[in-house]
N, C-alpha and C. Protein backbone atom coordinates (compact mmCIF):
# COMPACT_ATOMS: atom_id res chain seq x y z
N UNK A 1 -3.50 3.92 1.66
CA UNK A 1 -3.60 2.64 0.98
C UNK A 1 -4.33 1.64 1.86
N UNK A 2 -3.99 1.64 3.14
CA UNK A 2 -4.63 0.70 4.06
C UNK A 2 -6.12 0.99 4.19
N UNK A 3 -6.46 2.27 4.34
CA UNK A 3 -7.87 2.64 4.46
C UNK A 3 -8.64 2.33 3.18
N UNK A 4 -8.00 2.49 2.03
CA UNK A 4 -8.66 2.18 0.77
C UNK A 4 -9.01 0.69 0.70
N UNK A 5 -8.08 -0.16 1.07
CA UNK A 5 -8.32 -1.60 1.02
C UNK A 5 -9.39 -2.00 2.03
N UNK A 6 -9.34 -1.42 3.23
CA UNK A 6 -10.35 -1.74 4.25
C UNK A 6 -11.74 -1.31 3.78
N UNK A 7 -11.84 -0.14 3.17
CA UNK A 7 -13.15 0.30 2.68
C UNK A 7 -13.64 -0.58 1.54
N UNK A 8 -12.72 -1.09 0.73
CA UNK A 8 -13.13 -2.01 -0.33
C UNK A 8 -13.57 -3.35 0.25
N UNK A 9 -12.96 -3.77 1.33
CA UNK A 9 -13.37 -5.02 1.98
C UNK A 9 -14.78 -4.91 2.54
N UNK A 10 -15.11 -3.75 3.10
CA UNK A 10 -16.36 -3.59 3.83
C UNK A 10 -17.53 -3.29 2.90
N UNK A 11 -17.38 -2.32 2.01
CA UNK A 11 -18.58 -1.88 1.31
C UNK A 11 -18.44 -1.62 -0.16
N UNK A 12 -17.64 -2.38 -0.86
CA UNK A 12 -17.47 -2.13 -2.28
C UNK A 12 -17.70 -3.41 -3.07
N UNK A 13 -17.97 -3.23 -4.34
CA UNK A 13 -18.10 -4.40 -5.22
C UNK A 13 -16.97 -4.45 -6.24
N UNK A 14 -15.97 -3.59 -6.07
CA UNK A 14 -14.79 -3.55 -6.95
C UNK A 14 -13.56 -3.29 -6.10
N UNK A 15 -12.41 -3.53 -6.67
CA UNK A 15 -11.16 -3.20 -6.01
C UNK A 15 -10.39 -4.41 -5.52
N UNK A 16 -9.16 -4.15 -5.10
CA UNK A 16 -8.26 -5.22 -4.66
C UNK A 16 -8.80 -5.88 -3.40
N UNK A 17 -9.25 -5.08 -2.44
CA UNK A 17 -9.78 -5.64 -1.20
C UNK A 17 -10.99 -6.54 -1.44
N UNK A 18 -11.88 -6.11 -2.30
CA UNK A 18 -13.06 -6.92 -2.61
C UNK A 18 -12.66 -8.22 -3.30
N UNK A 19 -11.71 -8.14 -4.22
CA UNK A 19 -11.25 -9.35 -4.91
C UNK A 19 -10.61 -10.33 -3.93
N UNK A 20 -9.87 -9.80 -2.97
CA UNK A 20 -9.26 -10.67 -1.97
C UNK A 20 -10.31 -11.33 -1.09
N UNK A 21 -11.36 -10.59 -0.73
CA UNK A 21 -12.44 -11.15 0.08
C UNK A 21 -13.18 -12.24 -0.69
N UNK A 22 -13.42 -12.02 -1.98
CA UNK A 22 -14.05 -13.04 -2.81
C UNK A 22 -13.17 -14.29 -2.90
N UNK A 23 -11.87 -14.09 -3.09
CA UNK A 23 -10.95 -15.22 -3.18
C UNK A 23 -10.93 -16.00 -1.88
N UNK A 24 -11.00 -15.30 -0.75
CA UNK A 24 -11.01 -15.97 0.54
C UNK A 24 -12.26 -16.83 0.68
N UNK A 25 -13.40 -16.29 0.30
CA UNK A 25 -14.65 -17.04 0.46
C UNK A 25 -14.73 -18.23 -0.48
N UNK A 26 -13.98 -18.19 -1.59
CA UNK A 26 -13.98 -19.29 -2.54
C UNK A 26 -12.76 -20.19 -2.40
N UNK A 27 -11.96 -19.96 -1.35
CA UNK A 27 -10.74 -20.72 -1.10
C UNK A 27 -9.79 -20.71 -2.30
N UNK A 28 -9.72 -19.56 -2.96
CA UNK A 28 -8.82 -19.37 -4.10
C UNK A 28 -7.51 -18.77 -3.59
N UNK A 29 -6.64 -19.64 -3.10
CA UNK A 29 -5.40 -19.21 -2.45
C UNK A 29 -4.48 -18.44 -3.40
N UNK A 30 -4.27 -18.86 -4.64
CA UNK A 30 -3.40 -18.07 -5.53
C UNK A 30 -3.91 -16.64 -5.76
N UNK A 31 -5.22 -16.47 -5.88
CA UNK A 31 -5.78 -15.12 -6.06
C UNK A 31 -5.59 -14.29 -4.81
N UNK A 32 -5.72 -14.91 -3.64
CA UNK A 32 -5.48 -14.17 -2.40
C UNK A 32 -4.03 -13.72 -2.31
N UNK A 33 -3.10 -14.61 -2.64
CA UNK A 33 -1.68 -14.24 -2.59
C UNK A 33 -1.35 -13.19 -3.63
N UNK A 34 -2.01 -13.24 -4.77
CA UNK A 34 -1.78 -12.22 -5.79
C UNK A 34 -2.18 -10.84 -5.26
N UNK A 35 -3.29 -10.77 -4.56
CA UNK A 35 -3.72 -9.51 -3.95
C UNK A 35 -2.76 -9.04 -2.88
N UNK A 36 -2.28 -9.97 -2.06
CA UNK A 36 -1.34 -9.62 -1.00
C UNK A 36 -0.04 -9.09 -1.58
N UNK A 37 0.48 -9.78 -2.60
CA UNK A 37 1.72 -9.35 -3.24
C UNK A 37 1.53 -8.01 -3.93
N UNK A 38 0.40 -7.82 -4.60
CA UNK A 38 0.13 -6.55 -5.26
C UNK A 38 0.07 -5.41 -4.26
N UNK A 39 -0.59 -5.62 -3.13
CA UNK A 39 -0.64 -4.58 -2.10
C UNK A 39 0.74 -4.29 -1.53
N UNK A 40 1.55 -5.33 -1.36
CA UNK A 40 2.91 -5.12 -0.88
C UNK A 40 3.74 -4.31 -1.85
N UNK A 41 3.64 -4.63 -3.14
CA UNK A 41 4.37 -3.87 -4.15
C UNK A 41 3.89 -2.43 -4.25
N UNK A 42 2.58 -2.23 -4.13
CA UNK A 42 2.05 -0.86 -4.12
C UNK A 42 2.58 -0.09 -2.92
N UNK A 43 2.64 -0.74 -1.77
CA UNK A 43 3.16 -0.08 -0.57
C UNK A 43 4.62 0.30 -0.73
N UNK A 44 5.43 -0.61 -1.26
CA UNK A 44 6.85 -0.32 -1.48
C UNK A 44 7.02 0.81 -2.48
N UNK A 45 6.25 0.78 -3.56
CA UNK A 45 6.34 1.82 -4.58
C UNK A 45 5.93 3.19 -4.05
N UNK A 46 4.82 3.23 -3.31
CA UNK A 46 4.37 4.50 -2.75
C UNK A 46 5.35 5.03 -1.71
N UNK A 47 5.92 4.14 -0.91
CA UNK A 47 6.91 4.57 0.07
C UNK A 47 8.13 5.17 -0.62
N UNK A 48 8.60 4.54 -1.68
CA UNK A 48 9.75 5.07 -2.41
C UNK A 48 9.42 6.42 -3.04
N UNK A 49 8.21 6.56 -3.57
CA UNK A 49 7.81 7.82 -4.18
C UNK A 49 7.74 8.93 -3.13
N UNK A 50 7.15 8.64 -1.97
CA UNK A 50 7.07 9.66 -0.92
C UNK A 50 8.44 10.02 -0.37
N UNK A 51 9.34 9.04 -0.26
CA UNK A 51 10.69 9.36 0.19
C UNK A 51 11.41 10.25 -0.82
N UNK A 52 11.21 9.99 -2.11
CA UNK A 52 11.81 10.84 -3.14
C UNK A 52 11.29 12.26 -3.08
N UNK A 53 9.99 12.41 -2.89
CA UNK A 53 9.40 13.75 -2.77
C UNK A 53 9.92 14.43 -1.52
N UNK A 54 10.01 13.68 -0.42
CA UNK A 54 10.50 14.26 0.82
C UNK A 54 11.94 14.75 0.67
N UNK A 55 12.77 13.95 0.02
CA UNK A 55 14.16 14.36 -0.18
C UNK A 55 14.26 15.58 -1.10
N UNK A 56 13.39 15.64 -2.11
CA UNK A 56 13.43 16.78 -3.03
C UNK A 56 12.95 18.05 -2.35
N UNK A 57 11.91 17.94 -1.55
CA UNK A 57 11.32 19.13 -0.93
C UNK A 57 12.10 19.55 0.32
N UNK A 58 12.54 18.57 1.10
CA UNK A 58 13.20 18.88 2.37
C UNK A 58 14.69 18.56 2.36
N UNK A 59 15.29 18.51 1.18
CA UNK A 59 16.71 18.21 1.09
C UNK A 59 17.59 19.23 1.76
N UNK A 60 17.14 20.46 1.87
CA UNK A 60 17.92 21.51 2.50
C UNK A 60 17.97 21.36 4.01
N UNK A 61 17.05 20.60 4.57
CA UNK A 61 16.95 20.46 6.02
C UNK A 61 17.86 19.32 6.47
N UNK A 62 19.01 19.66 7.05
CA UNK A 62 20.00 18.64 7.38
C UNK A 62 19.55 17.70 8.48
N UNK A 63 18.76 18.16 9.43
CA UNK A 63 18.34 17.27 10.52
C UNK A 63 17.34 16.22 10.03
N UNK A 64 16.69 16.46 8.89
CA UNK A 64 15.77 15.47 8.35
C UNK A 64 16.53 14.25 7.83
N UNK A 65 17.77 14.45 7.40
CA UNK A 65 18.56 13.34 6.87
C UNK A 65 19.38 12.65 7.95
N UNK A 66 19.88 13.38 8.91
CA UNK A 66 20.76 12.79 9.90
C UNK A 66 20.03 12.31 11.13
N UNK A 67 18.82 12.76 11.34
CA UNK A 67 18.04 12.36 12.50
C UNK A 67 18.30 13.21 13.73
N UNK A 68 19.07 14.30 13.59
CA UNK A 68 19.33 15.20 14.72
C UNK A 68 18.09 16.05 15.00
N UNK A 69 17.88 16.32 16.26
CA UNK A 69 16.71 17.13 16.62
C UNK A 69 17.07 18.58 16.80
């Protein structure tokens, strides 16, 4: 997700990163915050999804849940 936004900031004409860069250059603070909040929500959602997949796939592995090595 981070690399996607960085690549949109650098060399794209579409995407969340590009929209945030445009908002910054136009001093459109609400649009910048909307992009920041959207990226935060995407990060939280993707993290929850990956944790769910990890628990489903590696649920049998007890040290993955307890932190024992």
